[in-house]
């Protein structure tokens, strides 16, 4: 199955004693041609995997930077079909790099969940995260994703109860998306120290490796994620903001430089073990 690219990625990184760095961009932002160019730059960067967003009109889990990116993409006429085409282009360039999709449940329902996951798999995606899908409603979605060869990713909030943690771990494949803080995406300096226990609990119950997201905006946040026991970090708003501010002829430089700086931070600490269910 395609989502085996995630465990293969974690094995490679563990052998090198590195954490994972995964950038996020919104597909179609600011337009399809520029978005395709950005994906080329990411494919040739030091990213360990790539997360992409399919724009949605009511992105309740996203902060203002990514919301604005979705607005720009929709204003440019970006459709889910365009997004699958962009992902197929990225997959042709990168055969081994895991590609994750983040979007919202209504898009899956509109298409029909079974068809939605089959389209994701046909595009070359490895995982799908429906950001507003609660764990209580996720079981049939996860089953359809698994049947299509897609890893179902669930968000693990810092205040998850043991019961909810167990439910999320059973639903999740590929990696566990642990949020650095409650709320929406965005850059900040919130202390995420309380998530160390959560990450230990995920390892203890055999959940997929934890990646820390929300509020990851600078290299120190990546180092913090590794120190907390995470297998790596995901950053969206910081890159999306840089792309929005960059001159067209500097998009490549801005993208590659940001990824290189964040990836360098994953090499600053040895990662004892990022394998499924293994303790530090």
C-alpha atoms as a PDB file:
ATOM      1  CA  UNK A   1       0.000   0.000   0.000  1.00  0.00           C
ATOM      2  CA  UNK A   2       1.174   3.530  -0.773  1.00  0.00           C
ATOM      3  CA  UNK A   3       1.055   4.678   2.841  1.00  0.00           C
ATOM      4  CA  UNK A   4       3.965   2.332   3.591  1.00  0.00           C
ATOM      5  CA  UNK A   5       6.050   5.311   2.513  1.00  0.00           C
ATOM      6  CA  UNK A   6       5.560   6.704   6.041  1.00  0.00           C
ATOM      7  CA  UNK A   7       7.109   3.779   7.955  1.00  0.00           C
ATOM      8  CA  UNK A   8       9.868   3.620   5.364  1.00  0.00           C
ATOM      9  CA  UNK A   9      10.535   7.337   5.939  1.00  0.00           C
ATOM     10  CA  UNK A  10      10.655   6.870   9.716  1.00  0.00           C
ATOM     11  CA  UNK A  11      13.044   3.922   9.353  1.00  0.00           C
ATOM     12  CA  UNK A  12      15.409   5.964   7.169  1.00  0.00           C
ATOM     13  CA  UNK A  13      15.365   8.869   9.582  1.00  0.00           C
ATOM     14  CA  UNK A  14      15.831   6.647  12.624  1.00  0.00           C
ATOM     15  CA  UNK A  15      18.908   5.103  11.010  1.00  0.00           C
ATOM     16  CA  UNK A  16      20.319   8.618  10.549  1.00  0.00           C
ATOM     17  CA  UNK A  17      19.133   9.690  14.029  1.00  0.00           C
ATOM     18  CA  UNK A  18      17.130  12.547  12.535  1.00  0.00           C
ATOM     19  CA  UNK A  19      13.614  13.804  13.018  1.00  0.00           C
ATOM     20  CA  UNK A  20      11.176  14.427  10.186  1.00  0.00           C
ATOM     21  CA  UNK A  21      10.396  17.866   8.842  1.00  0.00           C
ATOM     22  CA  UNK A  22       7.199  18.168   6.805  1.00  0.00           C
ATOM     23  CA  UNK A  23       6.117  21.451   5.194  1.00  0.00           C
ATOM     24  CA  UNK A  24       2.496  22.231   4.351  1.00  0.00           C
ATOM     25  CA  UNK A  25       1.216  24.333   1.441  1.00  0.00           C
ATOM     26  CA  UNK A  26      -2.265  25.107   0.144  1.00  0.00           C
ATOM     27  CA  UNK A  27      -2.881  23.769  -3.351  1.00  0.00           C
ATOM     28  CA  UNK A  28      -3.924  26.399  -5.865  1.00  0.00           C
ATOM     29  CA  UNK A  29      -2.450  29.261  -3.849  1.00  0.00           C
ATOM     30  CA  UNK A  30      -2.212  31.846  -5.330  1.00  0.00           C
ATOM     31  CA  UNK A  31      -3.034  30.089  -8.626  1.00  0.00           C
ATOM     32  CA  UNK A  32      -2.543  26.683 -10.215  1.00  0.00           C
ATOM     33  CA  UNK A  33       0.617  27.512 -12.150  1.00  0.00           C
ATOM     34  CA  UNK A  34       2.374  29.038  -9.149  1.00  0.00           C
ATOM     35  CA  UNK A  35       1.201  26.186  -6.936  1.00  0.00           C
ATOM     36  CA  UNK A  36       2.719  23.673  -9.356  1.00  0.00           C
ATOM     37  CA  UNK A  37       5.983  25.635  -9.248  1.00  0.00           C
ATOM     38  CA  UNK A  38       5.979  25.574  -5.432  1.00  0.00           C
ATOM     39  CA  UNK A  39       5.452  21.792  -5.442  1.00  0.00           C
ATOM     40  CA  UNK A  40       8.448  21.397  -7.761  1.00  0.00           C
ATOM     41  CA  UNK A  41      10.554  23.362  -5.294  1.00  0.00           C
ATOM     42  CA  UNK A  42       9.315  21.251  -2.378  1.00  0.00           C
ATOM     43  CA  UNK A  43       9.988  18.038  -4.293  1.00  0.00           C
ATOM     44  CA  UNK A  44      13.587  19.157  -4.779  1.00  0.00           C
ATOM     45  CA  UNK A  45      14.002  20.459  -1.225  1.00  0.00           C
ATOM     46  CA  UNK A  46      15.156  18.628   1.914  1.00  0.00           C
ATOM     47  CA  UNK A  47      11.596  17.910   3.062  1.00  0.00           C
ATOM     48  CA  UNK A  48      11.038  14.385   4.394  1.00  0.00           C
ATOM     49  CA  UNK A  49       7.367  14.414   3.339  1.00  0.00           C
ATOM     50  CA  UNK A  50       4.893  17.015   2.088  1.00  0.00           C
ATOM     51  CA  UNK A  51       1.438  17.964   3.350  1.00  0.00           C
ATOM     52  CA  UNK A  52      -0.929  19.741   0.959  1.00  0.00           C
ATOM     53  CA  UNK A  53      -4.284  21.356   1.545  1.00  0.00           C
ATOM     54  CA  UNK A  54      -7.337  21.101  -0.696  1.00  0.00           C
ATOM     55  CA  UNK A  55      -8.989  24.506  -0.269  1.00  0.00           C
ATOM     56  CA  UNK A  56     -12.350  24.635   1.472  1.00  0.00           C
ATOM     57  CA  UNK A  57     -14.654  27.579   2.071  1.00  0.00           C
ATOM     58  CA  UNK A  58     -15.009  27.083   5.843  1.00  0.00           C
ATOM     59  CA  UNK A  59     -11.606  25.900   7.154  1.00  0.00           C
ATOM     60  CA  UNK A  60     -12.465  25.856  10.859  1.00  0.00           C
ATOM     61  CA  UNK A  61      -9.175  24.299  12.010  1.00  0.00           C
ATOM     62  CA  UNK A  62      -7.001  26.843  10.200  1.00  0.00           C
ATOM     63  CA  UNK A  63      -5.666  30.146  11.424  1.00  0.00           C
ATOM     64  CA  UNK A  64      -5.747  33.378   9.420  1.00  0.00           C
ATOM     65  CA  UNK A  65      -2.657  32.691   7.274  1.00  0.00           C
ATOM     66  CA  UNK A  66      -3.895  29.375   5.908  1.00  0.00           C
ATOM     67  CA  UNK A  67      -7.489  30.628   5.714  1.00  0.00           C
ATOM     68  CA  UNK A  68      -6.259  33.451   3.498  1.00  0.00           C
ATOM     69  CA  UNK A  69      -4.400  30.933   1.326  1.00  0.00           C
ATOM     70  CA  UNK A  70      -7.612  28.925   0.888  1.00  0.00           C
ATOM     71  CA  UNK A  71      -9.495  32.097  -0.062  1.00  0.00           C
ATOM     72  CA  UNK A  72      -6.858  32.940  -2.687  1.00  0.00           C
ATOM     73  CA  UNK A  73      -6.945  29.408  -4.096  1.00  0.00           C
ATOM     74  CA  UNK A  74     -10.740  29.351  -4.341  1.00  0.00           C
ATOM     75  CA  UNK A  75     -10.778  32.835  -5.885  1.00  0.00           C
ATOM     76  CA  UNK A  76      -8.398  31.506  -8.547  1.00  0.00           C
ATOM     77  CA  UNK A  77     -10.951  28.788  -9.335  1.00  0.00           C
ATOM     78  CA  UNK A  78      -9.128  25.832  -7.788  1.00  0.00           C
ATOM     79  CA  UNK A  79     -11.241  22.649  -7.661  1.00  0.00           C
ATOM     80  CA  UNK A  80     -10.590  19.274  -5.991  1.00  0.00           C
ATOM     81  CA  UNK A  81      -9.975  17.834  -9.464  1.00  0.00           C
ATOM     82  CA  UNK A  82      -7.241  20.447  -9.990  1.00  0.00           C
ATOM     83  CA  UNK A  83      -5.723  19.408  -6.662  1.00  0.00           C
ATOM     84  CA  UNK A  84      -5.569  15.726  -7.619  1.00  0.00           C
ATOM     85  CA  UNK A  85      -3.825  16.782 -10.832  1.00  0.00           C
ATOM     86  CA  UNK A  86      -1.257  18.803  -8.879  1.00  0.00           C
ATOM     87  CA  UNK A  87      -0.620  15.843  -6.549  1.00  0.00           C
ATOM     88  CA  UNK A  88      -0.160  13.513  -9.526  1.00  0.00           C
ATOM     89  CA  UNK A  89       2.469  15.885 -10.878  1.00  0.00           C
ATOM     90  CA  UNK A  90       4.255  15.902  -7.518  1.00  0.00           C
ATOM     91  CA  UNK A  91       4.129  12.098  -7.319  1.00  0.00           C
ATOM     92  CA  UNK A  92       5.707  11.782 -10.760  1.00  0.00           C
ATOM     93  CA  UNK A  93       8.646  13.852  -9.503  1.00  0.00           C
ATOM     94  CA  UNK A  94       8.940  12.084  -6.152  1.00  0.00           C
ATOM     95  CA  UNK A  95       8.358   8.354  -6.033  1.00  0.00           C
ATOM     96  CA  UNK A  96       9.309   7.768  -2.400  1.00  0.00           C
ATOM     97  CA  UNK A  97       8.299  10.986  -0.629  1.00  0.00           C
ATOM     98  CA  UNK A  98       5.134  10.605   1.478  1.00  0.00           C
ATOM     99  CA  UNK A  99       2.373  13.006   0.417  1.00  0.00           C
ATOM    100  CA  UNK A 100      -0.420  13.854   2.830  1.00  0.00           C
ATOM    101  CA  UNK A 101      -3.690  15.652   2.086  1.00  0.00           C
ATOM    102  CA  UNK A 102      -5.450  17.898   4.586  1.00  0.00           C
ATOM    103  CA  UNK A 103      -8.979  19.055   3.921  1.00  0.00           C
ATOM    104  CA  UNK A 104     -12.503  18.962   5.394  1.00  0.00           C
ATOM    105  CA  UNK A 105     -15.237  16.359   5.688  1.00  0.00           C
ATOM    106  CA  UNK A 106     -17.771  18.130   3.463  1.00  0.00           C
ATOM    107  CA  UNK A 107     -15.483  17.723   0.451  1.00  0.00           C
ATOM    108  CA  UNK A 108     -15.334  13.970   1.053  1.00  0.00           C
ATOM    109  CA  UNK A 109     -19.109  13.788   1.560  1.00  0.00           C
ATOM    110  CA  UNK A 110     -19.811  15.859  -1.530  1.00  0.00           C
ATOM    111  CA  UNK A 111     -17.860  13.444  -3.716  1.00  0.00           C
ATOM    112  CA  UNK A 112     -18.849  10.371  -1.739  1.00  0.00           C
ATOM    113  CA  UNK A 113     -16.239   9.126   0.767  1.00  0.00           C
ATOM    114  CA  UNK A 114     -15.414   5.907  -1.121  1.00  0.00           C
ATOM    115  CA  UNK A 115     -14.854   7.778  -4.390  1.00  0.00           C
ATOM    116  CA  UNK A 116     -12.958  10.536  -2.564  1.00  0.00           C
ATOM    117  CA  UNK A 117     -10.428   8.094  -1.104  1.00  0.00           C
ATOM    118  CA  UNK A 118     -10.027   6.270  -4.405  1.00  0.00           C
ATOM    119  CA  UNK A 119      -9.279   9.599  -6.105  1.00  0.00           C
ATOM    120  CA  UNK A 120      -6.742  10.394  -3.394  1.00  0.00           C
ATOM    121  CA  UNK A 121      -5.017   7.050  -3.940  1.00  0.00           C
ATOM    122  CA  UNK A 122      -5.071   7.432  -7.730  1.00  0.00           C
ATOM    123  CA  UNK A 123      -3.374  10.821  -7.411  1.00  0.00           C
ATOM    124  CA  UNK A 124      -0.466   9.277  -5.507  1.00  0.00           C
ATOM    125  CA  UNK A 125      -1.354  10.586  -2.058  1.00  0.00           C
ATOM    126  CA  UNK A 126      -0.444   8.474   0.970  1.00  0.00           C
ATOM    127  CA  UNK A 127      -2.694   9.917   3.673  1.00  0.00           C
ATOM    128  CA  UNK A 128      -5.769  12.057   4.246  1.00  0.00           C
ATOM    129  CA  UNK A 129      -6.567  14.173   7.295  1.00  0.00           C
ATOM    130  CA  UNK A 130     -10.141  15.504   7.497  1.00  0.00           C
ATOM    131  CA  UNK A 131      -9.512  18.292   9.979  1.00  0.00           C
ATOM    132  CA  UNK A 132     -13.076  18.591  11.274  1.00  0.00           C
ATOM    133  CA  UNK A 133     -13.825  14.852  11.527  1.00  0.00           C
ATOM    134  CA  UNK A 134     -14.335  13.777  15.135  1.00  0.00           C
ATOM    135  CA  UNK A 135     -13.098  10.414  16.348  1.00  0.00           C
ATOM    136  CA  UNK A 136     -16.656   9.326  17.157  1.00  0.00           C
ATOM    137  CA  UNK A 137     -17.655   9.630  13.478  1.00  0.00           C
ATOM    138  CA  UNK A 138     -14.363   8.561  11.904  1.00  0.00           C
ATOM    139  CA  UNK A 139     -14.607   4.746  11.885  1.00  0.00           C
ATOM    140  CA  UNK A 140     -16.406   4.338   8.511  1.00  0.00           C
ATOM    141  CA  UNK A 141     -14.113   6.942   6.919  1.00  0.00           C
ATOM    142  CA  UNK A 142     -11.023   5.147   8.224  1.00  0.00           C
ATOM    143  CA  UNK A 143     -12.316   1.823   6.865  1.00  0.00           C
ATOM    144  CA  UNK A 144     -12.900   3.303   3.409  1.00  0.00           C
ATOM    145  CA  UNK A 145      -9.481   4.973   3.468  1.00  0.00           C
ATOM    146  CA  UNK A 146      -7.798   1.693   4.405  1.00  0.00           C
ATOM    147  CA  UNK A 147      -9.623  -0.142   1.617  1.00  0.00           C
ATOM    148  CA  UNK A 148      -8.303   2.412  -0.868  1.00  0.00           C
ATOM    149  CA  UNK A 149      -4.731   2.162   0.445  1.00  0.00           C
ATOM    150  CA  UNK A 150      -4.845   5.548   2.127  1.00  0.00           C
ATOM    151  CA  UNK A 151      -3.643   6.180   5.688  1.00  0.00           C
ATOM    152  CA  UNK A 152      -6.269   7.946   7.774  1.00  0.00           C
ATOM    153  CA  UNK A 153      -4.682  10.672   9.921  1.00  0.00           C
ATOM    154  CA  UNK A 154      -6.387  11.968  13.047  1.00  0.00           C
ATOM    155  CA  UNK A 155      -5.536  15.097  15.044  1.00  0.00           C
ATOM    156  CA  UNK A 156      -4.501  14.339  18.627  1.00  0.00           C
ATOM    157  CA  UNK A 157      -5.193  17.411  20.821  1.00  0.00           C
ATOM    158  CA  UNK A 158      -3.135  18.103  23.959  1.00  0.00           C
ATOM    159  CA  UNK A 159      -6.173  17.600  26.215  1.00  0.00           C
ATOM    160  CA  UNK A 160      -7.121  14.143  24.889  1.00  0.00           C
ATOM    161  CA  UNK A 161      -8.450  11.794  27.557  1.00  0.00           C
ATOM    162  CA  UNK A 162      -7.026   8.235  27.781  1.00  0.00           C
ATOM    163  CA  UNK A 163     -10.212   6.865  26.207  1.00  0.00           C
ATOM    164  CA  UNK A 164     -10.065   9.309  23.316  1.00  0.00           C
ATOM    165  CA  UNK A 165      -6.329   8.709  22.895  1.00  0.00           C
ATOM    166  CA  UNK A 166      -6.923   4.988  22.516  1.00  0.00           C
ATOM    167  CA  UNK A 167      -9.709   5.595  19.979  1.00  0.00           C
ATOM    168  CA  UNK A 168      -7.515   7.966  17.948  1.00  0.00           C
ATOM    169  CA  UNK A 169      -4.601   5.523  17.977  1.00  0.00           C
ATOM    170  CA  UNK A 170      -6.834   2.741  16.632  1.00  0.00           C
ATOM    171  CA  UNK A 171      -8.098   4.957  13.806  1.00  0.00           C
ATOM    172  CA  UNK A 172      -4.751   6.395  12.762  1.00  0.00           C
ATOM    173  CA  UNK A 173      -2.203   5.032  10.304  1.00  0.00           C
ATOM    174  CA  UNK A 174       0.983   6.626   8.975  1.00  0.00           C
ATOM    175  CA  UNK A 175       1.607   9.085  11.788  1.00  0.00           C
ATOM    176  CA  UNK A 176      -0.152  10.675  14.746  1.00  0.00           C
ATOM    177  CA  UNK A 177      -0.775  14.407  14.229  1.00  0.00           C
ATOM    178  CA  UNK A 178      -0.235  15.829  17.716  1.00  0.00           C
ATOM    179  CA  UNK A 179      -1.099  19.502  18.053  1.00  0.00           C
ATOM    180  CA  UNK A 180       1.419  21.663  19.880  1.00  0.00           C
ATOM    181  CA  UNK A 181      -1.468  23.559  21.438  1.00  0.00           C
ATOM    182  CA  UNK A 182      -5.255  23.772  21.277  1.00  0.00           C
ATOM    183  CA  UNK A 183      -6.987  26.031  18.760  1.00  0.00           C
ATOM    184  CA  UNK A 184      -6.188  26.640  15.115  1.00  0.00           C
ATOM    185  CA  UNK A 185      -3.048  26.586  12.998  1.00  0.00           C
ATOM    186  CA  UNK A 186      -0.594  29.447  13.177  1.00  0.00           C
ATOM    187  CA  UNK A 187       2.797  30.590  14.372  1.00  0.00           C
ATOM    188  CA  UNK A 188       3.315  31.292  18.062  1.00  0.00           C
ATOM    189  CA  UNK A 189       5.676  30.771  20.987  1.00  0.00           C
ATOM    190  CA  UNK A 190       3.326  28.814  23.264  1.00  0.00           C
ATOM    191  CA  UNK A 191       5.105  26.385  25.567  1.00  0.00           C
ATOM    192  CA  UNK A 192       4.239  22.847  24.482  1.00  0.00           C
ATOM    193  CA  UNK A 193       5.909  21.041  27.369  1.00  0.00           C
ATOM    194  CA  UNK A 194       2.699  19.341  28.513  1.00  0.00           C
ATOM    195  CA  UNK A 195       2.584  17.286  25.299  1.00  0.00           C
ATOM    196  CA  UNK A 196       5.597  15.181  26.343  1.00  0.00           C
ATOM    197  CA  UNK A 197       3.368  12.937  28.447  1.00  0.00           C
ATOM    198  CA  UNK A 198       0.858  12.668  25.610  1.00  0.00           C
ATOM    199  CA  UNK A 199       3.587  11.536  23.205  1.00  0.00           C
ATOM    200  CA  UNK A 200       4.809   8.956  25.733  1.00  0.00           C
ATOM    201  CA  UNK A 201       1.249   7.656  26.080  1.00  0.00           C
ATOM    202  CA  UNK A 202       0.895   7.344  22.294  1.00  0.00           C
ATOM    203  CA  UNK A 203       4.076   5.279  22.138  1.00  0.00           C
ATOM    204  CA  UNK A 204       2.958   3.124  25.050  1.00  0.00           C
ATOM    205  CA  UNK A 205      -0.346   2.190  23.371  1.00  0.00           C
ATOM    206  CA  UNK A 206       1.286   1.465  20.013  1.00  0.00           C
ATOM    207  CA  UNK A 207       0.123   4.504  18.038  1.00  0.00           C
ATOM    208  CA  UNK A 208       1.982   5.533  14.872  1.00  0.00           C
ATOM    209  CA  UNK A 209       4.918   7.941  15.392  1.00  0.00           C
ATOM    210  CA  UNK A 210       3.922  11.389  16.640  1.00  0.00           C
ATOM    211  CA  UNK A 211       4.533  14.487  14.549  1.00  0.00           C
ATOM    212  CA  UNK A 212       3.993  17.827  16.247  1.00  0.00           C
ATOM    213  CA  UNK A 213       2.031  20.537  14.443  1.00  0.00           C
ATOM    214  CA  UNK A 214       0.219  23.860  15.026  1.00  0.00           C
ATOM    215  CA  UNK A 215       2.518  26.706  16.020  1.00  0.00           C
ATOM    216  CA  UNK A 216       5.679  25.278  14.404  1.00  0.00           C
ATOM    217  CA  UNK A 217       7.199  28.383  12.882  1.00  0.00           C
ATOM    218  CA  UNK A 218      10.945  28.366  13.485  1.00  0.00           C
ATOM    219  CA  UNK A 219      13.833  25.905  13.960  1.00  0.00           C
ATOM    220  CA  UNK A 220      13.649  26.146  17.769  1.00  0.00           C
ATOM    221  CA  UNK A 221      10.100  24.726  17.588  1.00  0.00           C
ATOM    222  CA  UNK A 222      11.404  21.723  15.638  1.00  0.00           C
ATOM    223  CA  UNK A 223      14.126  21.125  18.229  1.00  0.00           C
ATOM    224  CA  UNK A 224      11.481  21.425  20.947  1.00  0.00           C
ATOM    225  CA  UNK A 225       9.312  18.815  19.194  1.00  0.00           C
ATOM    226  CA  UNK A 226      12.177  16.324  19.172  1.00  0.00           C
ATOM    227  CA  UNK A 227      13.033  17.080  22.789  1.00  0.00           C
ATOM    228  CA  UNK A 228       9.419  16.287  23.714  1.00  0.00           C
ATOM    229  CA  UNK A 229       9.775  12.865  22.111  1.00  0.00           C
ATOM    230  CA  UNK A 230       8.054  13.530  18.779  1.00  0.00           C
ATOM    231  CA  UNK A 231       9.406  11.914  15.638  1.00  0.00           C
ATOM    232  CA  UNK A 232       9.322  15.260  13.851  1.00  0.00           C
ATOM    233  CA  UNK A 233       7.319  18.386  13.102  1.00  0.00           C
ATOM    234  CA  UNK A 234       4.892  19.816  10.537  1.00  0.00           C
ATOM    235  CA  UNK A 235       4.890  23.511   9.624  1.00  0.00           C
ATOM    236  CA  UNK A 236       2.294  25.284   7.509  1.00  0.00           C
ATOM    237  CA  UNK A 237       1.577  28.907   8.359  1.00  0.00           C
ATOM    238  CA  UNK A 238       5.221  29.974   8.442  1.00  0.00           C
ATOM    239  CA  UNK A 239       5.863  28.709   4.911  1.00  0.00           C
ATOM    240  CA  UNK A 240       2.497  29.814   3.511  1.00  0.00           C
ATOM    241  CA  UNK A 241       3.142  33.331   4.864  1.00  0.00           C
ATOM    242  CA  UNK A 242       6.610  33.447   3.278  1.00  0.00           C
ATOM    243  CA  UNK A 243       5.240  32.287  -0.059  1.00  0.00           C
ATOM    244  CA  UNK A 244       2.502  34.957   0.050  1.00  0.00           C
ATOM    245  CA  UNK A 245       5.068  37.680   0.711  1.00  0.00           C
ATOM    246  CA  UNK A 246       7.728  36.519  -1.775  1.00  0.00           C
ATOM    247  CA  UNK A 247       8.336  38.098  -5.147  1.00  0.00           C
ATOM    248  CA  UNK A 248       7.547  35.609  -7.949  1.00  0.00           C
ATOM    249  CA  UNK A 249      11.199  35.299  -8.959  1.00  0.00           C
ATOM    250  CA  UNK A 250      12.200  34.421  -5.368  1.00  0.00           C
ATOM    251  CA  UNK A 251       9.615  31.727  -4.661  1.00  0.00           C
ATOM    252  CA  UNK A 252      12.092  28.913  -5.173  1.00  0.00           C
ATOM    253  CA  UNK A 253      14.754  30.453  -2.990  1.00  0.00           C
ATOM    254  CA  UNK A 254      12.288  31.290  -0.212  1.00  0.00           C
ATOM    255  CA  UNK A 255      10.784  27.793  -0.221  1.00  0.00           C
ATOM    256  CA  UNK A 256      14.055  25.873  -0.282  1.00  0.00           C
ATOM    257  CA  UNK A 257      15.725  28.121   2.310  1.00  0.00           C
ATOM    258  CA  UNK A 258      12.870  27.746   4.784  1.00  0.00           C
ATOM    259  CA  UNK A 259      12.786  23.969   4.414  1.00  0.00           C
ATOM    260  CA  UNK A 260      16.575  23.705   4.724  1.00  0.00           C
ATOM    261  CA  UNK A 261      16.609  25.770   7.939  1.00  0.00           C
ATOM    262  CA  UNK A 262      13.813  23.743   9.508  1.00  0.00           C
ATOM    263  CA  UNK A 263      15.270  20.415   8.365  1.00  0.00           C
ATOM    264  CA  UNK A 264      18.669  21.344   9.820  1.00  0.00           C
ATOM    265  CA  UNK A 265      17.005  21.566  13.232  1.00  0.00           C
ATOM    266  CA  UNK A 266      15.984  17.902  13.001  1.00  0.00           C
ATOM    267  CA  UNK A 267      19.642  16.954  13.008  1.00  0.00           C
ATOM    268  CA  UNK A 268      20.394  18.807  16.234  1.00  0.00           C
ATOM    269  CA  UNK A 269      19.174  16.020  18.510  1.00  0.00           C
ATOM    270  CA  UNK A 270      19.545  12.271  18.222  1.00  0.00           C
ATOM    271  CA  UNK A 271      16.160  10.607  17.977  1.00  0.00           C
ATOM    272  CA  UNK A 272      16.290   7.500  20.112  1.00  0.00           C
ATOM    273  CA  UNK A 273      13.384   5.776  18.418  1.00  0.00           C
ATOM    274  CA  UNK A 274      10.520   6.897  16.246  1.00  0.00           C
ATOM    275  CA  UNK A 275       9.149   3.424  15.591  1.00  0.00           C
ATOM    276  CA  UNK A 276       5.554   2.435  16.233  1.00  0.00           C
ATOM    277  CA  UNK A 277       5.004   1.653  19.894  1.00  0.00           C
ATOM    278  CA  UNK A 278       8.651   1.959  20.971  1.00  0.00           C
ATOM    279  CA  UNK A 279       9.718   3.926  24.018  1.00  0.00           C
ATOM    280  CA  UNK A 280      12.430   6.560  23.991  1.00  0.00           C
END
